[in-house]
């Protein structure tokens, strides 16, 4: 990772990143903003086929920076540009991007080096340009793949992609075609695994036919076609959070624990919620926190989730003055 802290271009990089970050997600609907956005899109998809995840090998060192900047230029110019409201002309802005991304020299053991391919990790622009390039990649370059081989679902968070593929007999061919589009952009995959029937509440669908870990969640498809979620932890997870006796402000410790419970209330299916609560309590009890403190954090998170649901269900009414010969169109 090349650190750009206090580098000559660090301020201009942050300025450009602030402008360009608003363009992420404008090219492709497959872009995932956060976990909530992801779960909503998965639930609405009703996609058929087997779940699998794709991962791009070493994305940042392999992003074609010049092509990514050219994508920015393409979408910010023309009669109807997708990227708008740049404070300077798009051409000058793209020249600035090129200058920033080429300034990636560093020293190691007394020797000077320069990264000549890809986007330097540590630069605030790298993730944004990578996202924009991949949006172009998945929107247009995937069109070169035959329709009968395309996935029925394609959702991407940076370099992690969730797919549904209906005809698995054609998946190997699809993967070869995908890896052949851009030699530097190579994909690996992980297939979902079959699950047994869950013992849940009788008023809930419990027949899980497959599951797949993706980001921080375990995605499960029911035999009804619906999706449910639980919190996913890697096998190496050791519960190493902030210790109760660490030299950290108490509000920070409380926020960490509260957000762990809040995440569970937001995304866990009811049949997994109690288990997740116990897991969180167990992890933090081992770190020296009291049961009373943990219960206060849990209650605060539960109240916060109830308030979120109330806000989501609010109906906003706007009073409009009467005007003759006027029709309101949605």
Protein backbone atom coordinates (compact mmCIF):
# COMPACT_ATOMS: atom_id res chain seq x y z
CA UNK A 1 0.00 0.00 0.00
CA UNK A 2 1.42 3.36 -1.04
CA UNK A 3 0.66 5.99 1.59
CA UNK A 4 -0.37 9.35 0.12
CA UNK A 5 -0.72 11.12 3.48
CA UNK A 6 0.75 14.62 3.16
CA UNK A 7 1.91 13.84 -0.38
CA UNK A 8 2.07 16.81 -2.80
CA UNK A 9 -1.13 15.68 -4.49
CA UNK A 10 -3.08 14.53 -1.40
CA UNK A 11 -5.32 17.62 -1.21
CA UNK A 12 -6.12 17.62 -4.92
CA UNK A 13 -6.77 13.87 -4.72
CA UNK A 14 -9.28 14.32 -1.89
CA UNK A 15 -10.93 17.21 -3.75
CA UNK A 16 -11.30 15.17 -6.94
CA UNK A 17 -12.51 12.14 -4.97
CA UNK A 18 -15.23 14.25 -3.33
CA UNK A 19 -16.51 15.28 -6.76
CA UNK A 20 -16.23 11.89 -8.44
CA UNK A 21 -17.74 9.91 -5.55
CA UNK A 22 -21.16 11.29 -6.47
CA UNK A 23 -20.85 9.62 -9.89
CA UNK A 24 -20.49 6.08 -8.51
CA UNK A 25 -23.63 4.07 -9.21
CA UNK A 26 -24.88 6.25 -12.07
CA UNK A 27 -23.80 3.88 -14.86
CA UNK A 28 -24.93 0.53 -13.48
CA UNK A 29 -27.78 -0.57 -11.21
CA UNK A 30 -25.60 -3.47 -10.05
CA UNK A 31 -23.56 -1.20 -7.77
CA UNK A 32 -24.15 -1.88 -4.06
CA UNK A 33 -23.87 1.13 -1.73
CA UNK A 34 -24.05 -0.69 1.60
CA UNK A 35 -25.47 -3.76 3.33
CA UNK A 36 -28.98 -2.34 3.50
CA UNK A 37 -28.97 -1.56 -0.22
CA UNK A 38 -27.69 -5.09 -0.86
CA UNK A 39 -30.39 -6.88 1.16
CA UNK A 40 -33.16 -4.80 -0.43
CA UNK A 41 -31.95 -5.58 -3.95
CA UNK A 42 -31.58 -9.30 -3.22
CA UNK A 43 -35.07 -9.55 -1.71
CA UNK A 44 -36.62 -7.78 -4.70
CA UNK A 45 -34.73 -9.79 -7.31
CA UNK A 46 -36.53 -13.17 -7.07
CA UNK A 47 -33.71 -14.37 -9.35
CA UNK A 48 -33.68 -17.99 -10.44
CA UNK A 49 -30.62 -20.21 -10.58
CA UNK A 50 -27.83 -21.23 -8.25
CA UNK A 51 -26.22 -18.66 -5.98
CA UNK A 52 -22.51 -18.03 -6.38
CA UNK A 53 -20.04 -15.27 -5.65
CA UNK A 54 -17.33 -13.93 -7.94
CA UNK A 55 -14.19 -12.20 -6.76
CA UNK A 56 -11.78 -10.16 -8.87
CA UNK A 57 -8.15 -11.10 -8.33
CA UNK A 58 -6.03 -8.19 -7.06
CA UNK A 59 -8.37 -5.52 -8.42
CA UNK A 60 -6.44 -2.34 -7.68
CA UNK A 61 -3.07 -3.36 -9.21
CA UNK A 62 -4.92 -4.50 -12.34
CA UNK A 63 -7.36 -1.64 -12.97
CA UNK A 64 -6.56 -0.05 -16.37
CA UNK A 65 -6.29 3.51 -15.07
CA UNK A 66 -6.15 5.18 -18.49
CA UNK A 67 -9.32 3.36 -19.55
CA UNK A 68 -11.03 4.26 -16.28
CA UNK A 69 -10.25 7.94 -16.84
CA UNK A 70 -11.51 7.61 -20.42
CA UNK A 71 -14.78 6.20 -19.03
CA UNK A 72 -15.08 9.32 -16.85
CA UNK A 73 -14.44 11.50 -19.91
CA UNK A 74 -17.05 9.61 -21.97
CA UNK A 75 -19.78 9.97 -19.35
CA UNK A 76 -19.02 13.61 -18.53
CA UNK A 77 -19.03 14.99 -22.09
CA UNK A 78 -21.51 15.01 -24.95
CA UNK A 79 -24.99 16.51 -25.28
CA UNK A 80 -26.51 14.46 -22.41
CA UNK A 81 -23.69 13.63 -19.98
CA UNK A 82 -24.34 11.16 -17.15
CA UNK A 83 -21.75 12.82 -14.90
CA UNK A 84 -22.73 16.44 -14.34
CA UNK A 85 -21.99 19.51 -12.23
CA UNK A 86 -18.20 19.35 -12.38
CA UNK A 87 -16.76 22.64 -11.03
CA UNK A 88 -14.25 22.69 -13.91
CA UNK A 89 -14.48 21.46 -17.48
CA UNK A 90 -14.56 17.65 -17.81
CA UNK A 91 -11.47 17.67 -20.02
CA UNK A 92 -9.38 19.54 -17.46
CA UNK A 93 -10.80 17.36 -14.68
CA UNK A 94 -9.74 14.19 -16.52
CA UNK A 95 -6.26 15.64 -17.06
CA UNK A 96 -6.09 16.27 -13.32
CA UNK A 97 -7.12 12.65 -12.66
CA UNK A 98 -4.32 11.43 -14.91
CA UNK A 99 -1.76 13.56 -13.10
CA UNK A 100 -2.90 12.41 -9.67
CA UNK A 101 -2.97 8.72 -10.58
CA UNK A 102 0.52 8.85 -12.13
CA UNK A 103 2.02 10.37 -8.97
CA UNK A 104 2.66 7.12 -7.08
CA UNK A 105 6.38 7.08 -6.34
CA UNK A 106 7.62 5.66 -3.05
CA UNK A 107 10.84 4.63 -1.32
CA UNK A 108 11.72 1.28 0.22
CA UNK A 109 15.07 0.36 1.80
CA UNK A 110 16.59 3.51 0.39
CA UNK A 111 15.50 2.81 -3.19
CA UNK A 112 12.95 4.77 -5.24
CA UNK A 113 10.09 2.92 -6.93
CA UNK A 114 7.08 3.81 -9.04
CA UNK A 115 3.95 1.75 -9.63
CA UNK A 116 3.47 1.64 -13.40
CA UNK A 117 0.26 -0.42 -13.66
CA UNK A 118 -3.02 -0.29 -11.83
CA UNK A 119 -4.33 2.10 -9.20
CA UNK A 120 -2.23 2.63 -6.06
CA UNK A 121 -3.88 1.42 -2.88
CA UNK A 122 -3.79 4.29 -0.44
CA UNK A 123 -4.93 6.88 -2.97
CA UNK A 124 -8.42 8.18 -2.24
CA UNK A 125 -9.29 8.10 -5.95
CA UNK A 126 -8.38 4.45 -6.55
CA UNK A 127 -11.55 2.82 -5.22
CA UNK A 128 -13.76 5.38 -6.99
CA UNK A 129 -12.09 4.92 -10.37
CA UNK A 130 -12.15 1.13 -9.91
CA UNK A 131 -15.89 1.27 -9.21
CA UNK A 132 -16.61 3.47 -12.22
CA UNK A 133 -14.53 1.27 -14.52
CA UNK A 134 -16.28 -1.89 -13.30
CA UNK A 135 -19.69 -0.28 -13.81
CA UNK A 136 -18.72 0.31 -17.44
CA UNK A 137 -17.33 -3.23 -17.61
CA UNK A 138 -20.50 -4.90 -16.36
CA UNK A 139 -22.88 -2.64 -18.29
CA UNK A 140 -21.33 -2.81 -21.75
CA UNK A 141 -18.57 -5.38 -21.93
CA UNK A 142 -20.82 -8.11 -20.51
CA UNK A 143 -23.09 -7.55 -23.50
CA UNK A 144 -20.49 -9.39 -25.57
CA UNK A 145 -21.47 -12.59 -23.75
CA UNK A 146 -24.41 -14.53 -25.27
CA UNK A 147 -27.76 -13.90 -23.59
CA UNK A 148 -28.30 -17.54 -22.63
CA UNK A 149 -25.04 -17.48 -20.64
CA UNK A 150 -25.62 -14.29 -18.67
CA UNK A 151 -26.41 -14.51 -14.94
CA UNK A 152 -29.97 -13.83 -13.80
CA UNK A 153 -28.62 -11.69 -10.94
CA UNK A 154 -25.47 -9.55 -10.81
CA UNK A 155 -24.83 -7.34 -7.77
CA UNK A 156 -21.38 -5.92 -7.05
CA UNK A 157 -19.67 -4.32 -4.06
CA UNK A 158 -16.28 -3.13 -5.40
CA UNK A 159 -14.64 -6.46 -6.34
CA UNK A 160 -17.15 -8.85 -4.72
CA UNK A 161 -20.05 -9.94 -6.93
CA UNK A 162 -23.17 -11.94 -6.10
CA UNK A 163 -24.63 -13.90 -9.02
CA UNK A 164 -27.41 -16.31 -9.80
CA UNK A 165 -26.69 -18.64 -12.70
CA UNK A 166 -29.55 -20.71 -14.09
CA UNK A 167 -27.81 -23.22 -16.38
CA UNK A 168 -24.73 -24.38 -14.48
CA UNK A 169 -23.68 -26.60 -17.39
CA UNK A 170 -22.71 -23.36 -19.18
CA UNK A 171 -21.01 -21.69 -16.23
CA UNK A 172 -17.45 -22.77 -17.07
CA UNK A 173 -17.87 -21.37 -20.58
CA UNK A 174 -19.31 -18.15 -19.12
CA UNK A 175 -16.34 -17.81 -16.75
CA UNK A 176 -13.86 -18.33 -19.59
CA UNK A 177 -15.62 -15.66 -21.65
CA UNK A 178 -15.72 -13.32 -18.66
CA UNK A 179 -12.01 -13.75 -17.98
CA UNK A 180 -11.28 -13.21 -21.66
CA UNK A 181 -12.87 -9.75 -21.86
CA UNK A 182 -9.98 -8.02 -20.11
CA UNK A 183 -6.84 -10.10 -19.40
CA UNK A 184 -5.98 -8.04 -16.31
CA UNK A 185 -9.47 -8.50 -14.80
CA UNK A 186 -9.69 -12.14 -13.72
CA UNK A 187 -12.47 -13.74 -11.67
CA UNK A 188 -12.57 -16.57 -9.16
CA UNK A 189 -15.82 -18.03 -7.81
CA UNK A 190 -17.44 -19.77 -4.86
CA UNK A 191 -20.62 -21.85 -5.19
CA UNK A 192 -23.44 -21.95 -2.66
CA UNK A 193 -23.93 -25.05 -0.56
CA UNK A 194 -27.10 -27.01 0.13
CA UNK A 195 -28.69 -26.71 3.57
CA UNK A 196 -30.95 -28.89 5.71
CA UNK A 197 -34.40 -27.89 6.88
CA UNK A 198 -34.27 -25.43 9.78
CA UNK A 199 -36.28 -25.88 12.96
CA UNK A 200 -37.93 -22.48 13.20
CA UNK A 201 -41.25 -20.97 14.13
CA UNK A 202 -44.18 -22.67 12.36
CA UNK A 203 -45.37 -19.33 10.97
CA UNK A 204 -42.05 -18.71 9.21
CA UNK A 205 -40.71 -20.34 6.04
CA UNK A 206 -37.83 -22.51 7.20
CA UNK A 207 -36.83 -24.72 4.31
CA UNK A 208 -33.44 -23.40 3.24
CA UNK A 209 -32.25 -24.97 0.00
CA UNK A 210 -28.90 -23.17 -0.36
CA UNK A 211 -26.69 -20.66 1.43
CA UNK A 212 -23.70 -18.52 0.54
CA UNK A 213 -21.55 -16.12 2.59
CA UNK A 214 -21.25 -12.69 1.00
CA UNK A 215 -19.69 -9.63 2.64
CA UNK A 216 -20.85 -9.67 6.28
CA UNK A 217 -23.97 -11.77 5.71
CA UNK A 218 -24.89 -15.38 5.11
CA UNK A 219 -27.50 -15.43 2.33
CA UNK A 220 -30.07 -18.23 2.40
CA UNK A 221 -32.65 -19.04 -0.25
CA UNK A 222 -35.86 -20.72 0.86
CA UNK A 223 -37.79 -23.25 -1.19
CA UNK A 224 -40.36 -20.49 -1.73
CA UNK A 225 -37.72 -18.49 -3.61
CA UNK A 226 -37.43 -15.82 -0.91
CA UNK A 227 -34.13 -14.85 0.72
CA UNK A 228 -33.28 -14.55 4.41
CA UNK A 229 -30.04 -13.51 6.09
CA UNK A 230 -27.89 -14.10 9.13
CA UNK A 231 -24.59 -12.56 10.24
CA UNK A 232 -21.54 -14.27 8.75
CA UNK A 233 -18.23 -14.67 10.56
CA UNK A 234 -15.13 -16.16 8.99
CA UNK A 235 -13.75 -19.38 10.51
CA UNK A 236 -10.78 -17.40 11.84
CA UNK A 237 -13.04 -14.96 13.73
CA UNK A 238 -11.82 -14.60 17.33
CA UNK A 239 -14.07 -11.84 18.68
CA UNK A 240 -11.19 -9.39 19.11
CA UNK A 241 -13.05 -6.12 19.60
CA UNK A 242 -12.24 -3.21 21.95
CA UNK A 243 -11.41 -4.57 25.41
CA UNK A 244 -13.34 -3.22 28.38
CA UNK A 245 -10.11 -2.03 30.01
CA UNK A 246 -8.57 -0.53 26.88
CA UNK A 247 -7.72 3.18 26.87
CA UNK A 248 -10.66 4.17 24.69
CA UNK A 249 -13.53 6.58 25.44
CA UNK A 250 -16.54 4.84 26.97
CA UNK A 251 -18.95 6.24 24.32
CA UNK A 252 -16.80 4.61 21.63
CA UNK A 253 -17.03 1.22 23.35
CA UNK A 254 -20.78 1.64 23.76
CA UNK A 255 -21.17 2.57 20.08
CA UNK A 256 -19.26 -0.50 18.89
CA UNK A 257 -21.42 -2.88 20.94
CA UNK A 258 -24.65 -1.07 20.10
CA UNK A 259 -23.89 -1.22 16.38
CA UNK A 260 -23.22 -4.96 16.60
CA UNK A 261 -26.69 -5.49 18.07
CA UNK A 262 -28.21 -3.00 15.60
CA UNK A 263 -26.72 -4.90 12.67
CA UNK A 264 -28.33 -8.09 13.97
CA UNK A 265 -31.75 -6.43 14.32
CA UNK A 266 -31.52 -4.99 10.81
CA UNK A 267 -30.53 -8.09 8.88
CA UNK A 268 -30.99 -11.31 10.87
CA UNK A 269 -34.02 -13.47 10.14
CA UNK A 270 -36.10 -14.06 13.30
CA UNK A 271 -34.98 -17.68 13.69
CA UNK A 272 -31.33 -16.58 13.87
CA UNK A 273 -31.71 -13.45 15.98
CA UNK A 274 -31.53 -15.01 19.45
CA UNK A 275 -28.41 -16.96 18.53
CA UNK A 276 -26.76 -13.77 17.24
CA UNK A 277 -27.62 -11.85 20.41
CA UNK A 278 -26.04 -14.58 22.53
CA UNK A 279 -22.95 -14.62 20.31
CA UNK A 280 -22.45 -10.87 20.71
CA UNK A 281 -22.90 -11.07 24.47
CA UNK A 282 -20.47 -13.98 24.70
CA UNK A 283 -17.80 -12.15 22.68
CA UNK A 284 -17.96 -9.01 24.82
CA UNK A 285 -18.28 -10.79 28.16
CA UNK A 286 -14.94 -12.41 27.36
CA UNK A 287 -13.53 -8.91 26.85
CA UNK A 288 -14.44 -7.83 30.38
CA UNK A 289 -17.76 -6.05 29.86
CA UNK A 290 -20.55 -6.53 32.41
CA UNK A 291 -23.91 -8.08 31.59
CA UNK A 292 -25.62 -4.85 32.71
CA UNK A 293 -23.58 -2.72 30.28
CA UNK A 294 -24.25 -5.13 27.41
CA UNK A 295 -27.97 -5.14 28.15
CA UNK A 296 -28.02 -1.32 28.06
CA UNK A 297 -26.34 -1.41 24.64
CA UNK A 298 -28.74 -4.08 23.39
CA UNK A 299 -31.80 -2.15 24.60
CA UNK A 300 -30.51 1.03 22.94
CA UNK A 301 -30.00 -0.83 19.65
CA UNK A 302 -33.46 -2.39 19.86
CA UNK A 303 -35.02 1.02 20.43
CA UNK A 304 -33.00 2.46 17.56
CA UNK A 305 -34.25 -0.25 15.22
CA UNK A 306 -37.87 0.38 16.22
CA UNK A 307 -37.40 4.08 15.45
CA UNK A 308 -35.89 3.20 12.06
CA UNK A 309 -38.92 1.08 11.19
CA UNK A 310 -41.26 3.88 12.25
CA UNK A 311 -39.44 6.36 10.01
CA UNK A 312 -39.56 3.92 7.09
CA UNK A 313 -43.32 3.53 7.49
CA UNK A 314 -44.13 7.22 7.85
CA UNK A 315 -46.55 8.65 5.30
CA UNK A 316 -45.65 12.21 4.37
CA UNK A 317 -48.54 14.45 3.30
CA UNK A 318 -48.14 17.74 1.48
CA UNK A 319 -50.98 20.24 1.33
CA UNK A 320 -51.28 21.90 -2.09
CA UNK A 321 -53.29 25.01 -2.90
CA UNK A 322 -56.27 24.55 -5.23
CA UNK A 323 -55.64 25.55 -8.84
CA UNK A 324 -58.28 25.40 -11.54
CA UNK A 325 -57.64 23.47 -14.77
CA UNK A 326 -54.60 21.75 -13.23
CA UNK A 327 -53.86 18.03 -13.17
CA UNK A 328 -51.36 16.44 -10.78
CA UNK A 329 -49.21 13.85 -12.51
CA UNK A 330 -47.07 11.38 -10.55
